[in-house]
Amino acid sequence: MTDKIVVLVTASSLRESKKIAKRLVEGGLAACVNITQPIHSIYRWQGKVTADKEFLLLIKSARELFGEIKAAVSKLHSYTTPEIICLPIIDGSQEYLQWISDSVKQPDKPDE
């Protein structure tokens, strides 16, 4: 098991997806964010089954940064309840995992 993660976030538009992705990468919270073509999401919301077009963000980062990622996405996102799901990267290419480490900031440490 590594300390690297993939975070899944859906957004309603390509513009919103790009804004979130750019802020995460520029802020050192993500090494990379992939944005998919529109996907078709069918989900239950406020007691009704709903279908919408969304964009899926695949965010690569480090586990220690998840709290900051969650806060940043929540602040930037238009949804009341955005999808923010953290999945562990169990294993991967050592070179790629090192690149993630080199590309993200060190997590904020509490004052000692």
N, C-alpha and C. Protein backbone atom coordinates (compact mmCIF):
# COMPACT_ATOMS: atom_id res chain seq x y z
N MET A 1 0.85 -1.18 0.00
CA MET A 1 0.00 0.00 0.00
C MET A 1 0.89 1.24 0.00
N THR A 2 0.52 2.20 -0.82
CA THR A 2 1.28 3.45 -0.88
C THR A 2 0.54 4.54 -0.12
N ASP A 3 1.13 5.71 -0.02
CA ASP A 3 0.45 6.86 0.57
C ASP A 3 -0.19 7.73 -0.52
N LYS A 4 -0.24 7.22 -1.73
CA LYS A 4 -0.82 7.97 -2.86
C LYS A 4 -2.29 7.63 -3.00
N ILE A 5 -3.05 8.59 -3.56
CA ILE A 5 -4.50 8.42 -3.70
C ILE A 5 -4.97 8.90 -5.06
N VAL A 6 -6.16 8.45 -5.42
CA VAL A 6 -6.93 9.00 -6.53
C VAL A 6 -8.22 9.50 -5.91
N VAL A 7 -8.56 10.75 -6.19
CA VAL A 7 -9.78 11.33 -5.68
C VAL A 7 -10.74 11.51 -6.85
N LEU A 8 -11.97 11.04 -6.69
CA LEU A 8 -12.99 11.18 -7.72
C LEU A 8 -13.91 12.34 -7.36
N VAL A 9 -14.11 13.23 -8.32
CA VAL A 9 -15.02 14.37 -8.15
C VAL A 9 -15.79 14.50 -9.45
N THR A 10 -17.11 14.69 -9.36
CA THR A 10 -17.90 14.99 -10.55
C THR A 10 -18.30 16.46 -10.52
N ALA A 11 -18.43 17.04 -11.70
CA ALA A 11 -18.83 18.44 -11.82
C ALA A 11 -19.81 18.57 -12.99
N SER A 12 -20.60 19.63 -12.96
CA SER A 12 -21.66 19.78 -13.96
C SER A 12 -21.19 20.33 -15.30
N SER A 13 -20.01 20.94 -15.33
CA SER A 13 -19.55 21.54 -16.59
C SER A 13 -18.04 21.37 -16.75
N LEU A 14 -17.61 21.46 -18.00
CA LEU A 14 -16.18 21.41 -18.28
C LEU A 14 -15.48 22.61 -17.68
N ARG A 15 -16.13 23.76 -17.73
CA ARG A 15 -15.55 24.98 -17.17
C ARG A 15 -15.28 24.83 -15.66
N GLU A 16 -16.26 24.34 -14.94
CA GLU A 16 -16.08 24.13 -13.50
C GLU A 16 -15.00 23.08 -13.23
N SER A 17 -14.99 22.03 -14.02
CA SER A 17 -13.98 20.97 -13.87
C SER A 17 -12.57 21.52 -14.06
N LYS A 18 -12.38 22.34 -15.09
CA LYS A 18 -11.07 22.93 -15.36
C LYS A 18 -10.66 23.89 -14.24
N LYS A 19 -11.61 24.65 -13.71
CA LYS A 19 -11.31 25.58 -12.61
C LYS A 19 -10.83 24.81 -11.38
N ILE A 20 -11.52 23.75 -11.03
CA ILE A 20 -11.13 22.95 -9.87
C ILE A 20 -9.76 22.32 -10.12
N ALA A 21 -9.58 21.71 -11.29
CA ALA A 21 -8.32 21.04 -11.61
C ALA A 21 -7.14 22.01 -11.55
N LYS A 22 -7.31 23.17 -12.16
CA LYS A 22 -6.22 24.15 -12.20
C LYS A 22 -5.84 24.61 -10.79
N ARG A 23 -6.83 24.90 -9.96
CA ARG A 23 -6.54 25.35 -8.59
C ARG A 23 -5.82 24.26 -7.78
N LEU A 24 -6.24 23.01 -7.95
CA LEU A 24 -5.60 21.93 -7.19
C LEU A 24 -4.15 21.74 -7.61
N VAL A 25 -3.89 21.77 -8.92
CA VAL A 25 -2.52 21.58 -9.40
C VAL A 25 -1.66 22.80 -9.06
N GLU A 26 -2.18 24.00 -9.30
CA GLU A 26 -1.41 25.21 -8.98
C GLU A 26 -1.12 25.31 -7.48
N GLY A 27 -2.05 24.84 -6.65
CA GLY A 27 -1.87 24.91 -5.21
C GLY A 27 -1.04 23.78 -4.63
N GLY A 28 -0.56 22.89 -5.48
CA GLY A 28 0.27 21.78 -5.00
C GLY A 28 -0.52 20.68 -4.32
N LEU A 29 -1.84 20.69 -4.47
CA LEU A 29 -2.66 19.65 -3.85
C LEU A 29 -2.80 18.42 -4.73
N ALA A 30 -2.52 18.57 -6.02
CA ALA A 30 -2.61 17.45 -6.96
C ALA A 30 -1.43 17.50 -7.92
N ALA A 31 -0.94 16.32 -8.27
CA ALA A 31 0.12 16.23 -9.27
C ALA A 31 -0.49 16.34 -10.66
N CYS A 32 -1.69 15.81 -10.80
CA CYS A 32 -2.36 15.73 -12.09
C CYS A 32 -3.85 15.57 -11.86
N VAL A 33 -4.64 16.15 -12.75
CA VAL A 33 -6.08 15.94 -12.74
C VAL A 33 -6.51 15.62 -14.17
N ASN A 34 -7.09 14.45 -14.37
CA ASN A 34 -7.67 14.10 -15.67
C ASN A 34 -9.15 14.44 -15.62
N ILE A 35 -9.65 14.99 -16.72
CA ILE A 35 -11.07 15.31 -16.84
C ILE A 35 -11.62 14.50 -18.00
N THR A 36 -12.66 13.72 -17.73
CA THR A 36 -13.24 12.86 -18.76
C THR A 36 -14.15 13.65 -19.68
N GLN A 37 -14.50 13.01 -20.77
CA GLN A 37 -15.58 13.49 -21.62
C GLN A 37 -16.86 13.43 -20.78
N PRO A 38 -17.93 14.05 -21.22
CA PRO A 38 -19.15 13.97 -20.41
C PRO A 38 -19.55 12.52 -20.16
N ILE A 39 -19.98 12.29 -18.92
CA ILE A 39 -20.51 10.98 -18.53
C ILE A 39 -21.99 11.17 -18.22
N HIS A 40 -22.73 10.10 -18.24
CA HIS A 40 -24.15 10.15 -17.91
C HIS A 40 -24.32 9.60 -16.51
N SER A 41 -24.76 10.44 -15.60
CA SER A 41 -24.94 10.04 -14.20
C SER A 41 -26.43 9.90 -13.91
N ILE A 42 -26.79 8.78 -13.32
CA ILE A 42 -28.15 8.54 -12.86
C ILE A 42 -28.05 8.33 -11.36
N TYR A 43 -28.76 9.15 -10.61
CA TYR A 43 -28.62 9.14 -9.16
C TYR A 43 -29.91 9.57 -8.48
N ARG A 44 -29.99 9.28 -7.20
CA ARG A 44 -31.14 9.69 -6.40
C ARG A 44 -30.78 11.00 -5.71
N TRP A 45 -31.62 12.01 -5.86
CA TRP A 45 -31.41 13.31 -5.22
C TRP A 45 -32.76 13.84 -4.76
N GLN A 46 -32.85 14.14 -3.48
CA GLN A 46 -34.05 14.68 -2.87
C GLN A 46 -35.27 13.82 -3.19
N GLY A 47 -35.08 12.49 -3.07
CA GLY A 47 -36.17 11.54 -3.24
C GLY A 47 -36.56 11.20 -4.66
N LYS A 48 -35.86 11.76 -5.64
CA LYS A 48 -36.19 11.49 -7.04
C LYS A 48 -34.98 10.93 -7.77
N VAL A 49 -35.24 10.07 -8.75
CA VAL A 49 -34.18 9.57 -9.62
C VAL A 49 -33.96 10.62 -10.70
N THR A 50 -32.71 11.03 -10.83
CA THR A 50 -32.33 12.11 -11.74
C THR A 50 -31.25 11.62 -12.69
N ALA A 51 -31.22 12.18 -13.88
CA ALA A 51 -30.16 11.87 -14.85
C ALA A 51 -29.57 13.19 -15.33
N ASP A 52 -28.24 13.25 -15.35
CA ASP A 52 -27.55 14.46 -15.78
C ASP A 52 -26.27 14.10 -16.51
N LYS A 53 -25.78 15.06 -17.27
CA LYS A 53 -24.45 14.96 -17.87
C LYS A 53 -23.48 15.59 -16.87
N GLU A 54 -22.37 14.91 -16.61
CA GLU A 54 -21.35 15.43 -15.70
C GLU A 54 -19.98 15.13 -16.28
N PHE A 55 -18.98 15.74 -15.66
CA PHE A 55 -17.58 15.48 -15.99
C PHE A 55 -16.94 14.87 -14.76
N LEU A 56 -16.11 13.86 -14.97
CA LEU A 56 -15.44 13.18 -13.86
C LEU A 56 -13.99 13.64 -13.80
N LEU A 57 -13.57 14.09 -12.62
CA LEU A 57 -12.18 14.46 -12.38
C LEU A 57 -11.49 13.32 -11.66
N LEU A 58 -10.34 12.92 -12.14
CA LEU A 58 -9.49 11.90 -11.52
C LEU A 58 -8.25 12.63 -11.01
N ILE A 59 -8.18 12.80 -9.70
CA ILE A 59 -7.17 13.64 -9.07
C ILE A 59 -6.12 12.75 -8.42
N LYS A 60 -4.86 12.91 -8.81
CA LYS A 60 -3.77 12.11 -8.23
C LYS A 60 -3.02 12.95 -7.21
N SER A 61 -2.86 12.39 -5.99
CA SER A 61 -2.25 13.16 -4.91
C SER A 61 -1.70 12.23 -3.84
N ALA A 62 -1.44 12.81 -2.66
CA ALA A 62 -0.95 12.07 -1.50
C ALA A 62 -2.03 12.06 -0.42
N ARG A 63 -2.12 10.98 0.31
CA ARG A 63 -3.16 10.79 1.32
C ARG A 63 -3.21 11.94 2.33
N GLU A 64 -2.06 12.45 2.75
CA GLU A 64 -2.02 13.51 3.76
C GLU A 64 -2.67 14.81 3.28
N LEU A 65 -2.83 14.95 1.98
CA LEU A 65 -3.41 16.18 1.43
C LEU A 65 -4.92 16.09 1.22
N PHE A 66 -5.51 14.93 1.51
CA PHE A 66 -6.93 14.75 1.21
C PHE A 66 -7.82 15.77 1.92
N GLY A 67 -7.55 16.08 3.16
CA GLY A 67 -8.36 17.07 3.88
C GLY A 67 -8.35 18.42 3.18
N GLU A 68 -7.18 18.83 2.72
CA GLU A 68 -7.06 20.11 2.00
C GLU A 68 -7.74 20.05 0.64
N ILE A 69 -7.64 18.90 -0.03
CA ILE A 69 -8.33 18.72 -1.32
C ILE A 69 -9.83 18.83 -1.12
N LYS A 70 -10.33 18.12 -0.10
CA LYS A 70 -11.76 18.14 0.19
C LYS A 70 -12.25 19.56 0.47
N ALA A 71 -11.51 20.30 1.25
CA ALA A 71 -11.88 21.69 1.58
C ALA A 71 -11.85 22.56 0.33
N ALA A 72 -10.82 22.42 -0.50
CA ALA A 72 -10.70 23.24 -1.71
C ALA A 72 -11.82 22.94 -2.70
N VAL A 73 -12.11 21.65 -2.91
CA VAL A 73 -13.17 21.27 -3.84
C VAL A 73 -14.51 21.79 -3.32
N SER A 74 -14.78 21.62 -2.04
CA SER A 74 -16.04 22.09 -1.46
C SER A 74 -16.22 23.59 -1.65
N LYS A 75 -15.14 24.34 -1.52
CA LYS A 75 -15.20 25.80 -1.67
C LYS A 75 -15.44 26.22 -3.12
N LEU A 76 -14.84 25.49 -4.07
CA LEU A 76 -14.92 25.85 -5.48
C LEU A 76 -16.15 25.29 -6.20
N HIS A 77 -16.74 24.26 -5.64
CA HIS A 77 -17.77 23.48 -6.32
C HIS A 77 -19.15 24.13 -6.24
N SER A 78 -19.93 23.98 -7.29
CA SER A 78 -21.28 24.55 -7.32
C SER A 78 -22.33 23.65 -6.66
N TYR A 79 -22.03 22.37 -6.48
CA TYR A 79 -23.01 21.45 -5.90
C TYR A 79 -23.13 21.65 -4.40
N THR A 80 -24.33 21.44 -3.87
CA THR A 80 -24.56 21.46 -2.43
C THR A 80 -23.81 20.30 -1.76
N THR A 81 -23.85 19.14 -2.42
CA THR A 81 -23.21 17.94 -1.91
C THR A 81 -22.33 17.34 -3.01
N PRO A 82 -21.12 17.88 -3.20
CA PRO A 82 -20.27 17.35 -4.27
C PRO A 82 -19.73 15.96 -3.94
N GLU A 83 -19.55 15.17 -4.98
CA GLU A 83 -18.88 13.88 -4.82
C GLU A 83 -17.41 14.15 -4.62
N ILE A 84 -16.88 13.69 -3.49
CA ILE A 84 -15.44 13.78 -3.21
C ILE A 84 -15.08 12.45 -2.56
N ILE A 85 -14.54 11.53 -3.35
CA ILE A 85 -14.26 10.17 -2.89
C ILE A 85 -12.77 9.89 -3.02
N CYS A 86 -12.17 9.42 -1.95
CA CYS A 86 -10.74 9.13 -1.92
C CYS A 86 -10.52 7.62 -2.03
N LEU A 87 -9.73 7.22 -3.02
CA LEU A 87 -9.38 5.81 -3.22
C LEU A 87 -7.87 5.64 -3.07
N PRO A 88 -7.44 4.60 -2.36
CA PRO A 88 -6.00 4.39 -2.22
C PRO A 88 -5.39 3.83 -3.50
N ILE A 89 -4.15 4.21 -3.75
CA ILE A 89 -3.36 3.57 -4.80
C ILE A 89 -2.56 2.49 -4.09
N ILE A 90 -2.91 1.27 -4.32
CA ILE A 90 -2.27 0.16 -3.61
C ILE A 90 -0.85 -0.04 -4.08
N ASP A 91 -0.64 0.06 -5.39
CA ASP A 91 0.69 -0.13 -5.95
C ASP A 91 0.74 0.56 -7.29
N GLY A 92 1.93 0.77 -7.81
CA GLY A 92 2.09 1.41 -9.10
C GLY A 92 3.55 1.51 -9.47
N SER A 93 3.79 2.08 -10.62
CA SER A 93 5.14 2.30 -11.08
C SER A 93 5.87 3.20 -10.08
N GLN A 94 7.03 2.79 -9.63
CA GLN A 94 7.80 3.58 -8.66
C GLN A 94 8.11 4.97 -9.20
N GLU A 95 8.41 5.04 -10.50
CA GLU A 95 8.72 6.34 -11.11
C GLU A 95 7.49 7.26 -11.06
N TYR A 96 6.32 6.72 -11.35
CA TYR A 96 5.10 7.53 -11.33
C TYR A 96 4.75 7.96 -9.91
N LEU A 97 4.84 7.05 -8.96
CA LEU A 97 4.55 7.38 -7.57
C LEU A 97 5.51 8.44 -7.04
N GLN A 98 6.77 8.35 -7.45
CA GLN A 98 7.75 9.36 -7.04
C GLN A 98 7.43 10.71 -7.68
N TRP A 99 6.99 10.67 -8.93
CA TRP A 99 6.59 11.91 -9.61
C TRP A 99 5.45 12.59 -8.87
N ILE A 100 4.47 11.82 -8.39
CA ILE A 100 3.38 12.40 -7.60
C ILE A 100 3.98 13.08 -6.36
N SER A 101 4.86 12.39 -5.65
CA SER A 101 5.49 12.96 -4.45
C SER A 101 6.22 14.26 -4.77
N ASP A 102 6.94 14.26 -5.87
CA ASP A 102 7.72 15.44 -6.25
C ASP A 102 6.84 16.60 -6.71
N SER A 103 5.62 16.30 -7.13
CA SER A 103 4.75 17.31 -7.74
C SER A 103 3.78 17.96 -6.78
N VAL A 104 3.57 17.38 -5.61
CA VAL A 104 2.63 17.96 -4.65
C VAL A 104 3.39 18.58 -3.49
N LYS A 105 2.72 19.51 -2.82
CA LYS A 105 3.35 20.17 -1.68
C LYS A 105 3.40 19.24 -0.48
N GLN A 106 4.22 19.58 0.47
CA GLN A 106 4.24 18.85 1.74
C GLN A 106 2.99 19.25 2.52
N PRO A 107 2.34 18.32 3.19
CA PRO A 107 1.12 18.66 3.92
C PRO A 107 1.39 19.69 5.01
N ASP A 108 0.37 20.53 5.27
CA ASP A 108 0.47 21.51 6.36
C ASP A 108 0.61 20.77 7.68
N LYS A 109 1.55 21.21 8.48
CA LYS A 109 1.77 20.61 9.80
C LYS A 109 1.17 21.55 10.86
N PRO A 110 0.52 20.98 11.87
CA PRO A 110 0.01 21.84 12.94
C PRO A 110 1.18 22.51 13.67
N ASP A 111 0.92 23.71 14.18
CA ASP A 111 1.98 24.41 14.93
C ASP A 111 2.40 23.58 16.14
N GLU A 112 3.69 23.52 16.32
CA GLU A 112 4.21 22.72 17.44
C GLU A 112 4.62 23.62 18.57
